Amino acid sequence: MPTLTNEEVEHRFNYHAPDEKKAKDHAFIRHSCIKLADTFNLTCPVSSETLKAIEKIEEAMFWANAAIARHEK
């Protein structure tokens, strides 16, 4: 199993201050995920499956924001 270098570990856990473009990208991702979660909430029956689907949107938002923060386009 491959291991991470010290630089890779530090990069993953360091704070990545957003510039203006990245801040706008974060906001766009957050807005898009909120709209999708609202759609699920309004369309799907109240159930554990719906909750899981919304939690997966939240997880996707976190990963998308990490990608924006950690990498250049």
PDB file of N, CA and C in Angstrom:
ATOM      1  N   MET A   1       0.846  -1.178   0.000  1.00  0.00           N
ATOM      2  CA  MET A   1       0.000   0.000   0.000  1.00  0.00           C
ATOM      3  C   MET A   1       0.893   1.244   0.000  1.00  0.00           C
ATOM      4  N   PRO A   2       0.631   2.192  -0.907  1.00  0.00           N
ATOM      5  CA  PRO A   2       1.477   3.385  -0.958  1.00  0.00           C
ATOM      6  C   PRO A   2       1.235   4.285   0.248  1.00  0.00           C
ATOM      7  N   THR A   3       2.268   4.994   0.636  1.00  0.00           N
ATOM      8  CA  THR A   3       2.140   5.950   1.732  1.00  0.00           C
ATOM      9  C   THR A   3       2.311   7.360   1.186  1.00  0.00           C
ATOM     10  N   LEU A   4       1.865   8.318   1.957  1.00  0.00           N
ATOM     11  CA  LEU A   4       1.977   9.721   1.564  1.00  0.00           C
ATOM     12  C   LEU A   4       3.322  10.274   2.007  1.00  0.00           C
ATOM     13  N   THR A   5       3.851  11.195   1.232  1.00  0.00           N
ATOM     14  CA  THR A   5       5.058  11.885   1.658  1.00  0.00           C
ATOM     15  C   THR A   5       4.677  12.891   2.739  1.00  0.00           C
ATOM     16  N   ASN A   6       5.665  13.373   3.467  1.00  0.00           N
ATOM     17  CA  ASN A   6       5.401  14.396   4.490  1.00  0.00           C
ATOM     18  C   ASN A   6       4.768  15.633   3.861  1.00  0.00           C
ATOM     19  N   GLU A   7       5.233  15.996   2.663  1.00  0.00           N
ATOM     20  CA  GLU A   7       4.682  17.165   1.978  1.00  0.00           C
ATOM     21  C   GLU A   7       3.207  16.954   1.633  1.00  0.00           C
ATOM     22  N   GLU A   8       2.861  15.750   1.191  1.00  0.00           N
ATOM     23  CA  GLU A   8       1.466  15.446   0.857  1.00  0.00           C
ATOM     24  C   GLU A   8       0.576  15.506   2.090  1.00  0.00           C
ATOM     25  N   VAL A   9       1.062  14.986   3.209  1.00  0.00           N
ATOM     26  CA  VAL A   9       0.296  15.036   4.461  1.00  0.00           C
ATOM     27  C   VAL A   9       0.095  16.488   4.881  1.00  0.00           C
ATOM     28  N   GLU A  10       1.158  17.270   4.871  1.00  0.00           N
ATOM     29  CA  GLU A  10       1.042  18.681   5.252  1.00  0.00           C
ATOM     30  C   GLU A  10       0.081  19.420   4.333  1.00  0.00           C
ATOM     31  N   HIS A  11       0.160  19.149   3.033  1.00  0.00           N
ATOM     32  CA  HIS A  11      -0.722  19.818   2.074  1.00  0.00           C
ATOM     33  C   HIS A  11      -2.187  19.489   2.366  1.00  0.00           C
ATOM     34  N   ARG A  12      -2.465  18.244   2.712  1.00  0.00           N
ATOM     35  CA  ARG A  12      -3.845  17.844   3.007  1.00  0.00           C
ATOM     36  C   ARG A  12      -4.401  18.527   4.248  1.00  0.00           C
ATOM     37  N   PHE A  13      -3.554  18.775   5.254  1.00  0.00           N
ATOM     38  CA  PHE A  13      -4.029  19.265   6.538  1.00  0.00           C
ATOM     39  C   PHE A  13      -3.792  20.749   6.785  1.00  0.00           C
ATOM     40  N   ASN A  14      -3.022  21.390   5.916  1.00  0.00           N
ATOM     41  CA  ASN A  14      -2.797  22.827   6.064  1.00  0.00           C
ATOM     42  C   ASN A  14      -4.023  23.610   5.627  1.00  0.00           C
ATOM     43  N   TYR A  15      -4.110  24.828   6.126  1.00  0.00           N
ATOM     44  CA  TYR A  15      -5.174  25.741   5.715  1.00  0.00           C
ATOM     45  C   TYR A  15      -4.802  26.317   4.358  1.00  0.00           C
ATOM     46  N   HIS A  16      -5.772  26.362   3.458  1.00  0.00           N
ATOM     47  CA  HIS A  16      -5.570  26.903   2.125  1.00  0.00           C
ATOM     48  C   HIS A  16      -6.492  28.115   1.971  1.00  0.00           C
ATOM     49  N   ALA A  17      -5.925  29.283   2.245  1.00  0.00           N
ATOM     50  CA  ALA A  17      -6.728  30.507   2.184  1.00  0.00           C
ATOM     51  C   ALA A  17      -7.196  30.754   0.749  1.00  0.00           C
ATOM     52  N   PRO A  18      -8.479  30.983   0.568  1.00  0.00           N
ATOM     53  CA  PRO A  18      -8.980  31.181  -0.798  1.00  0.00           C
ATOM     54  C   PRO A  18      -8.709  32.596  -1.307  1.00  0.00           C
ATOM     55  N   ASP A  19      -8.379  32.681  -2.583  1.00  0.00           N
ATOM     56  CA  ASP A  19      -8.351  33.989  -3.227  1.00  0.00           C
ATOM     57  C   ASP A  19      -9.786  34.294  -3.667  1.00  0.00           C
ATOM     58  N   GLU A  20      -9.991  35.419  -4.322  1.00  0.00           N
ATOM     59  CA  GLU A  20     -11.347  35.827  -4.701  1.00  0.00           C
ATOM     60  C   GLU A  20     -12.023  34.804  -5.621  1.00  0.00           C
ATOM     61  N   LYS A  21     -11.281  34.271  -6.591  1.00  0.00           N
ATOM     62  CA  LYS A  21     -11.836  33.277  -7.533  1.00  0.00           C
ATOM     63  C   LYS A  21     -12.255  32.016  -6.787  1.00  0.00           C
ATOM     64  N   LYS A  22     -11.380  31.517  -5.914  1.00  0.00           N
ATOM     65  CA  LYS A  22     -11.714  30.294  -5.172  1.00  0.00           C
ATOM     66  C   LYS A  22     -12.902  30.518  -4.235  1.00  0.00           C
ATOM     67  N   ALA A  23     -12.987  31.679  -3.626  1.00  0.00           N
ATOM     68  CA  ALA A  23     -14.128  31.979  -2.747  1.00  0.00           C
ATOM     69  C   ALA A  23     -15.431  31.939  -3.542  1.00  0.00           C
ATOM     70  N   LYS A  24     -15.405  32.469  -4.761  1.00  0.00           N
ATOM     71  CA  LYS A  24     -16.599  32.417  -5.618  1.00  0.00           C
ATOM     72  C   LYS A  24     -16.919  30.983  -6.019  1.00  0.00           C
ATOM     73  N   ASP A  25     -15.877  30.185  -6.306  1.00  0.00           N
ATOM     74  CA  ASP A  25     -16.096  28.777  -6.656  1.00  0.00           C
ATOM     75  C   ASP A  25     -16.689  28.002  -5.476  1.00  0.00           C
ATOM     76  N   HIS A  26     -16.183  28.262  -4.266  1.00  0.00           N
ATOM     77  CA  HIS A  26     -16.742  27.616  -3.065  1.00  0.00           C
ATOM     78  C   HIS A  26     -18.222  27.971  -2.915  1.00  0.00           C
ATOM     79  N   ALA A  27     -18.539  29.239  -3.096  1.00  0.00           N
ATOM     80  CA  ALA A  27     -19.929  29.694  -2.958  1.00  0.00           C
ATOM     81  C   ALA A  27     -20.823  29.038  -4.004  1.00  0.00           C
ATOM     82  N   PHE A  28     -20.321  28.914  -5.240  1.00  0.00           N
ATOM     83  CA  PHE A  28     -21.104  28.277  -6.306  1.00  0.00           C
ATOM     84  C   PHE A  28     -21.373  26.802  -5.981  1.00  0.00           C
ATOM     85  N   ILE A  29     -20.349  26.092  -5.501  1.00  0.00           N
ATOM     86  CA  ILE A  29     -20.519  24.683  -5.111  1.00  0.00           C
ATOM     87  C   ILE A  29     -21.540  24.575  -3.985  1.00  0.00           C
ATOM     88  N   ARG A  30     -21.389  25.421  -2.966  1.00  0.00           N
ATOM     89  CA  ARG A  30     -22.311  25.382  -1.821  1.00  0.00           C
ATOM     90  C   ARG A  30     -23.740  25.651  -2.281  1.00  0.00           C
ATOM     91  N   HIS A  31     -23.944  26.676  -3.106  1.00  0.00           N
ATOM     92  CA  HIS A  31     -25.280  27.019  -3.610  1.00  0.00           C
ATOM     93  C   HIS A  31     -25.871  25.857  -4.419  1.00  0.00           C
ATOM     94  N   SER A  32     -25.063  25.256  -5.290  1.00  0.00           N
ATOM     95  CA  SER A  32     -25.541  24.134  -6.116  1.00  0.00           C
ATOM     96  C   SER A  32     -25.940  22.942  -5.256  1.00  0.00           C
ATOM     97  N   CYS A  33     -25.147  22.660  -4.239  1.00  0.00           N
ATOM     98  CA  CYS A  33     -25.463  21.525  -3.353  1.00  0.00           C
ATOM     99  C   CYS A  33     -26.712  21.795  -2.531  1.00  0.00           C
ATOM    100  N   ILE A  34     -26.880  23.024  -2.094  1.00  0.00           N
ATOM    101  CA  ILE A  34     -28.098  23.378  -1.345  1.00  0.00           C
ATOM    102  C   ILE A  34     -29.325  23.187  -2.226  1.00  0.00           C
ATOM    103  N   LYS A  35     -29.246  23.630  -3.476  1.00  0.00           N
ATOM    104  CA  LYS A  35     -30.380  23.461  -4.392  1.00  0.00           C
ATOM    105  C   LYS A  35     -30.709  21.985  -4.590  1.00  0.00           C
ATOM    106  N   LEU A  36     -29.692  21.145  -4.774  1.00  0.00           N
ATOM    107  CA  LEU A  36     -29.938  19.717  -4.967  1.00  0.00           C
ATOM    108  C   LEU A  36     -30.515  19.089  -3.700  1.00  0.00           C
ATOM    109  N   ALA A  37     -29.957  19.439  -2.537  1.00  0.00           N
ATOM    110  CA  ALA A  37     -30.487  18.906  -1.274  1.00  0.00           C
ATOM    111  C   ALA A  37     -31.936  19.342  -1.069  1.00  0.00           C
ATOM    112  N   ASP A  38     -32.245  20.605  -1.390  1.00  0.00           N
ATOM    113  CA  ASP A  38     -33.634  21.078  -1.292  1.00  0.00           C
ATOM    114  C   ASP A  38     -34.547  20.284  -2.224  1.00  0.00           C
ATOM    115  N   THR A  39     -34.066  20.000  -3.434  1.00  0.00           N
ATOM    116  CA  THR A  39     -34.844  19.204  -4.390  1.00  0.00           C
ATOM    117  C   THR A  39     -35.141  17.826  -3.824  1.00  0.00           C
ATOM    118  N   PHE A  40     -34.116  17.179  -3.274  1.00  0.00           N
ATOM    119  CA  PHE A  40     -34.324  15.855  -2.667  1.00  0.00           C
ATOM    120  C   PHE A  40     -35.315  15.959  -1.521  1.00  0.00           C
ATOM    121  N   ASN A  41     -35.149  16.975  -0.681  1.00  0.00           N
ATOM    122  CA  ASN A  41     -35.999  17.145   0.495  1.00  0.00           C
ATOM    123  C   ASN A  41     -37.454  17.356   0.105  1.00  0.00           C
ATOM    124  N   LEU A  42     -37.688  18.077  -0.987  1.00  0.00           N
ATOM    125  CA  LEU A  42     -39.052  18.352  -1.439  1.00  0.00           C
ATOM    126  C   LEU A  42     -39.669  17.201  -2.233  1.00  0.00           C
ATOM    127  N   THR A  43     -38.832  16.400  -2.901  1.00  0.00           N
ATOM    128  CA  THR A  43     -39.317  15.378  -3.823  1.00  0.00           C
ATOM    129  C   THR A  43     -39.398  13.987  -3.199  1.00  0.00           C
ATOM    130  N   CYS A  44     -38.420  13.658  -2.387  1.00  0.00           N
ATOM    131  CA  CYS A  44     -38.335  12.295  -1.834  1.00  0.00           C
ATOM    132  C   CYS A  44     -39.122  12.191  -0.535  1.00  0.00           C
ATOM    133  N   PRO A  45     -39.639  11.002  -0.271  1.00  0.00           N
ATOM    134  CA  PRO A  45     -40.343  10.816   1.004  1.00  0.00           C
ATOM    135  C   PRO A  45     -39.368  10.899   2.185  1.00  0.00           C
ATOM    136  N   VAL A  46     -39.896  11.267   3.335  1.00  0.00           N
ATOM    137  CA  VAL A  46     -39.080  11.274   4.546  1.00  0.00           C
ATOM    138  C   VAL A  46     -38.653   9.842   4.819  1.00  0.00           C
ATOM    139  N   SER A  47     -37.348   9.620   4.775  1.00  0.00           N
ATOM    140  CA  SER A  47     -36.842   8.255   4.960  1.00  0.00           C
ATOM    141  C   SER A  47     -35.348   8.295   5.228  1.00  0.00           C
ATOM    142  N   SER A  48     -34.834   7.172   5.681  1.00  0.00           N
ATOM    143  CA  SER A  48     -33.391   7.079   5.909  1.00  0.00           C
ATOM    144  C   SER A  48     -32.638   7.185   4.585  1.00  0.00           C
ATOM    145  N   GLU A  49     -33.257   6.722   3.498  1.00  0.00           N
ATOM    146  CA  GLU A  49     -32.610   6.816   2.184  1.00  0.00           C
ATOM    147  C   GLU A  49     -32.449   8.274   1.743  1.00  0.00           C
ATOM    148  N   THR A  50     -33.488   9.070   1.981  1.00  0.00           N
ATOM    149  CA  THR A  50     -33.407  10.483   1.630  1.00  0.00           C
ATOM    150  C   THR A  50     -32.339  11.179   2.461  1.00  0.00           C
ATOM    151  N   LEU A  51     -32.303  10.881   3.739  1.00  0.00           N
ATOM    152  CA  LEU A  51     -31.281  11.460   4.606  1.00  0.00           C
ATOM    153  C   LEU A  51     -29.883  11.076   4.129  1.00  0.00           C
ATOM    154  N   LYS A  52     -29.708   9.807   3.763  1.00  0.00           N
ATOM    155  CA  LYS A  52     -28.404   9.358   3.255  1.00  0.00           C
ATOM    156  C   LYS A  52     -28.042  10.088   1.969  1.00  0.00           C
ATOM    157  N   ALA A  53     -29.011  10.274   1.076  1.00  0.00           N
ATOM    158  CA  ALA A  53     -28.752  10.980  -0.175  1.00  0.00           C
ATOM    159  C   ALA A  53     -28.297  12.408   0.103  1.00  0.00           C
ATOM    160  N   ILE A  54     -28.958  13.079   1.044  1.00  0.00           N
ATOM    161  CA  ILE A  54     -28.580  14.453   1.393  1.00  0.00           C
ATOM    162  C   ILE A  54     -27.204  14.470   2.061  1.00  0.00           C
ATOM    163  N   GLU A  55     -26.920  13.483   2.890  1.00  0.00           N
ATOM    164  CA  GLU A  55     -25.593  13.395   3.509  1.00  0.00           C
ATOM    165  C   GLU A  55     -24.507  13.193   2.445  1.00  0.00           C
ATOM    166  N   LYS A  56     -24.812  12.452   1.389  1.00  0.00           N
ATOM    167  CA  LYS A  56     -23.841  12.243   0.307  1.00  0.00           C
ATOM    168  C   LYS A  56     -23.610  13.538  -0.471  1.00  0.00           C
ATOM    169  N   ILE A  57     -24.654  14.358  -0.614  1.00  0.00           N
ATOM    170  CA  ILE A  57     -24.466  15.673  -1.235  1.00  0.00           C
ATOM    171  C   ILE A  57     -23.517  16.505  -0.379  1.00  0.00           C
ATOM    172  N   GLU A  58     -23.731  16.458   0.926  1.00  0.00           N
ATOM    173  CA  GLU A  58     -22.862  17.188   1.851  1.00  0.00           C
ATOM    174  C   GLU A  58     -21.415  16.697   1.725  1.00  0.00           C
ATOM    175  N   GLU A  59     -21.243  15.377   1.663  1.00  0.00           N
ATOM    176  CA  GLU A  59     -19.905  14.799   1.496  1.00  0.00           C
ATOM    177  C   GLU A  59     -19.287  15.252   0.168  1.00  0.00           C
ATOM    178  N   ALA A  60     -20.071  15.242  -0.892  1.00  0.00           N
ATOM    179  CA  ALA A  60     -19.571  15.685  -2.193  1.00  0.00           C
ATOM    180  C   ALA A  60     -19.162  17.153  -2.133  1.00  0.00           C
ATOM    181  N   MET A  61     -19.928  17.970  -1.426  1.00  0.00           N
ATOM    182  CA  MET A  61     -19.589  19.379  -1.283  1.00  0.00           C
ATOM    183  C   MET A  61     -18.244  19.543  -0.572  1.00  0.00           C
ATOM    184  N   PHE A  62     -18.041  18.781   0.495  1.00  0.00           N
ATOM    185  CA  PHE A  62     -16.768  18.855   1.214  1.00  0.00           C
ATOM    186  C   PHE A  62     -15.606  18.499   0.302  1.00  0.00           C
ATOM    187  N   TRP A  63     -15.746  17.409  -0.461  1.00  0.00           N
ATOM    188  CA  TRP A  63     -14.657  16.980  -1.349  1.00  0.00           C
ATOM    189  C   TRP A  63     -14.438  17.975  -2.482  1.00  0.00           C
ATOM    190  N   ALA A  64     -15.511  18.510  -3.033  1.00  0.00           N
ATOM    191  CA  ALA A  64     -15.366  19.515  -4.096  1.00  0.00           C
ATOM    192  C   ALA A  64     -14.661  20.759  -3.567  1.00  0.00           C
ATOM    193  N   ASN A  65     -15.035  21.198  -2.363  1.00  0.00           N
ATOM    194  CA  ASN A  65     -14.381  22.357  -1.777  1.00  0.00           C
ATOM    195  C   ASN A  65     -12.927  22.069  -1.436  1.00  0.00           C
ATOM    196  N   ALA A  66     -12.619  20.844  -1.030  1.00  0.00           N
ATOM    197  CA  ALA A  66     -11.214  20.474  -0.795  1.00  0.00           C
ATOM    198  C   ALA A  66     -10.425  20.519  -2.093  1.00  0.00           C
ATOM    199  N   ALA A  67     -11.027  20.068  -3.171  1.00  0.00           N
ATOM    200  CA  ALA A  67     -10.349  20.104  -4.471  1.00  0.00           C
ATOM    201  C   ALA A  67     -10.060  21.547  -4.882  1.00  0.00           C
ATOM    202  N   ILE A  68     -11.036  22.432  -4.674  1.00  0.00           N
ATOM    203  CA  ILE A  68     -10.835  23.842  -5.004  1.00  0.00           C
ATOM    204  C   ILE A  68      -9.731  24.433  -4.130  1.00  0.00           C
ATOM    205  N   ALA A  69      -9.775  24.147  -2.851  1.00  0.00           N
ATOM    206  CA  ALA A  69      -8.807  24.724  -1.913  1.00  0.00           C
ATOM    207  C   ALA A  69      -7.389  24.208  -2.158  1.00  0.00           C
ATOM    208  N   ARG A  70      -7.255  22.924  -2.428  1.00  0.00           N
ATOM    209  CA  ARG A  70      -5.927  22.304  -2.488  1.00  0.00           C
ATOM    210  C   ARG A  70      -5.230  22.405  -3.827  1.00  0.00           C
ATOM    211  N   HIS A  71      -5.976  22.643  -4.895  1.00  0.00           N
ATOM    212  CA  HIS A  71      -5.379  22.561  -6.230  1.00  0.00           C
ATOM    213  C   HIS A  71      -5.711  23.787  -7.060  1.00  0.00           C
ATOM    214  N   GLU A  72      -4.852  24.049  -8.014  1.00  0.00           N
ATOM    215  CA  GLU A  72      -5.087  25.119  -8.983  1.00  0.00           C
ATOM    216  C   GLU A  72      -5.804  24.543 -10.186  1.00  0.00           C
ATOM    217  N   LYS A  73      -6.623  25.337 -10.821  1.00  0.00           N
ATOM    218  CA  LYS A  73      -7.357  24.913 -12.001  1.00  0.00           C
ATOM    219  C   LYS A  73      -6.491  24.980 -13.219  1.00  0.00           C
TER     220      LYS A  73
END
